[in-house]
Amino acid sequence: MSVIESIYCPNCGHQAERSYGRDRHVVRVQCPTCDYLMVTCAFTARVIEAYAPGLYAHRL
């Protein structure tokens, strides 16, 4: 069973979610507002996959 937490997005500050895989080795942070994604290893903190398109000027 995976665990999902509600957090603030480190990219835009809106509500995002952090989820842990079944084995708790992989941590995934994703934000639907700015399309931010960060997948890391829970033990080494190494980035497995990342996507952060940036903030749009009209949203500021």
C-alpha atoms as a PDB file:
ATOM      1  CA  MET A   1       0.000   0.000   0.000  1.00  0.00           C
ATOM      2  CA  SER A   2       1.355   3.422  -0.897  1.00  0.00           C
ATOM      3  CA  VAL A   3       1.185   6.441   1.406  1.00  0.00           C
ATOM      4  CA  ILE A   4       0.108   9.863   0.082  1.00  0.00           C
ATOM      5  CA  GLU A   5       0.712  13.159   1.914  1.00  0.00           C
ATOM      6  CA  SER A   6      -0.568  16.622   1.054  1.00  0.00           C
ATOM      7  CA  ILE A   7       2.256  19.193   0.905  1.00  0.00           C
ATOM      8  CA  TYR A   8       3.015  22.577  -0.645  1.00  0.00           C
ATOM      9  CA  CYS A   9       4.719  22.497  -4.025  1.00  0.00           C
ATOM     10  CA  PRO A  10       8.387  23.559  -3.815  1.00  0.00           C
ATOM     11  CA  ASN A  11       8.058  25.114  -7.281  1.00  0.00           C
ATOM     12  CA  CYS A  12       4.862  27.209  -7.113  1.00  0.00           C
ATOM     13  CA  GLY A  13       3.555  26.946  -3.533  1.00  0.00           C
ATOM     14  CA  HIS A  14       0.178  25.433  -4.425  1.00  0.00           C
ATOM     15  CA  GLN A  15      -1.099  22.173  -2.973  1.00  0.00           C
ATOM     16  CA  ALA A  16       0.802  19.112  -4.209  1.00  0.00           C
ATOM     17  CA  GLU A  17       1.155  15.527  -3.096  1.00  0.00           C
ATOM     18  CA  ARG A  18       4.031  13.383  -1.916  1.00  0.00           C
ATOM     19  CA  SER A  19       3.636   9.656  -2.347  1.00  0.00           C
ATOM     20  CA  TYR A  20       5.784   6.780  -1.169  1.00  0.00           C
ATOM     21  CA  GLY A  21       5.949   3.516  -3.106  1.00  0.00           C
ATOM     22  CA  ARG A  22       4.960   0.174  -1.631  1.00  0.00           C
ATOM     23  CA  ASP A  23       8.511  -0.623  -0.601  1.00  0.00           C
ATOM     24  CA  ARG A  24       9.098   3.003   0.589  1.00  0.00           C
ATOM     25  CA  HIS A  25      12.268   3.229  -1.551  1.00  0.00           C
ATOM     26  CA  VAL A  26      10.847   5.729  -4.044  1.00  0.00           C
ATOM     27  CA  VAL A  27       9.379   9.136  -3.133  1.00  0.00           C
ATOM     28  CA  ARG A  28       7.330  11.001  -5.735  1.00  0.00           C
ATOM     29  CA  VAL A  29       6.309  14.685  -5.438  1.00  0.00           C
ATOM     30  CA  GLN A  30       3.903  16.022  -8.033  1.00  0.00           C
ATOM     31  CA  CYS A  31       1.908  19.216  -8.477  1.00  0.00           C
ATOM     32  CA  PRO A  32      -1.053  19.427 -10.869  1.00  0.00           C
ATOM     33  CA  THR A  33      -0.947  23.255 -10.909  1.00  0.00           C
ATOM     34  CA  CYS A  34       2.543  23.808 -12.343  1.00  0.00           C
ATOM     35  CA  ASP A  35       3.245  20.262 -13.627  1.00  0.00           C
ATOM     36  CA  TYR A  36       6.182  19.785 -11.214  1.00  0.00           C
ATOM     37  CA  LEU A  37       7.512  16.244 -10.769  1.00  0.00           C
ATOM     38  CA  MET A  38      10.380  14.920  -8.659  1.00  0.00           C
ATOM     39  CA  VAL A  39      11.085  11.222  -8.084  1.00  0.00           C
ATOM     40  CA  THR A  40      13.867  10.417  -5.626  1.00  0.00           C
ATOM     41  CA  CYS A  41      15.341   7.454  -3.779  1.00  0.00           C
ATOM     42  CA  ALA A  42      14.347   7.573  -0.105  1.00  0.00           C
ATOM     43  CA  PHE A  43      17.655   6.121   1.071  1.00  0.00           C
ATOM     44  CA  THR A  44      20.230   7.995  -1.001  1.00  0.00           C
ATOM     45  CA  ALA A  45      18.162  11.104  -1.937  1.00  0.00           C
ATOM     46  CA  ARG A  46      19.359  10.720  -5.524  1.00  0.00           C
ATOM     47  CA  VAL A  47      17.066  12.069  -8.193  1.00  0.00           C
ATOM     48  CA  ILE A  48      15.589   9.371 -10.416  1.00  0.00           C
ATOM     49  CA  GLU A  49      13.371  11.613 -12.527  1.00  0.00           C
ATOM     50  CA  ALA A  50      12.613  15.344 -12.456  1.00  0.00           C
ATOM     51  CA  TYR A  51      10.525  17.834 -14.384  1.00  0.00           C
ATOM     52  CA  ALA A  52       9.985  21.453 -13.342  1.00  0.00           C
ATOM     53  CA  PRO A  53       8.803  23.654 -16.219  1.00  0.00           C
ATOM     54  CA  GLY A  54       9.010  26.893 -14.234  1.00  0.00           C
ATOM     55  CA  LEU A  55       6.539  29.563 -13.286  1.00  0.00           C
ATOM     56  CA  TYR A  56       4.527  31.479 -15.814  1.00  0.00           C
ATOM     57  CA  ALA A  57       4.550  35.275 -15.557  1.00  0.00           C
ATOM     58  CA  HIS A  58       0.746  35.552 -15.786  1.00  0.00           C
ATOM     59  CA  ARG A  59       0.365  33.373 -12.663  1.00  0.00           C
ATOM     60  CA  LEU A  60       2.548  35.649 -10.537  1.00  0.00           C
END
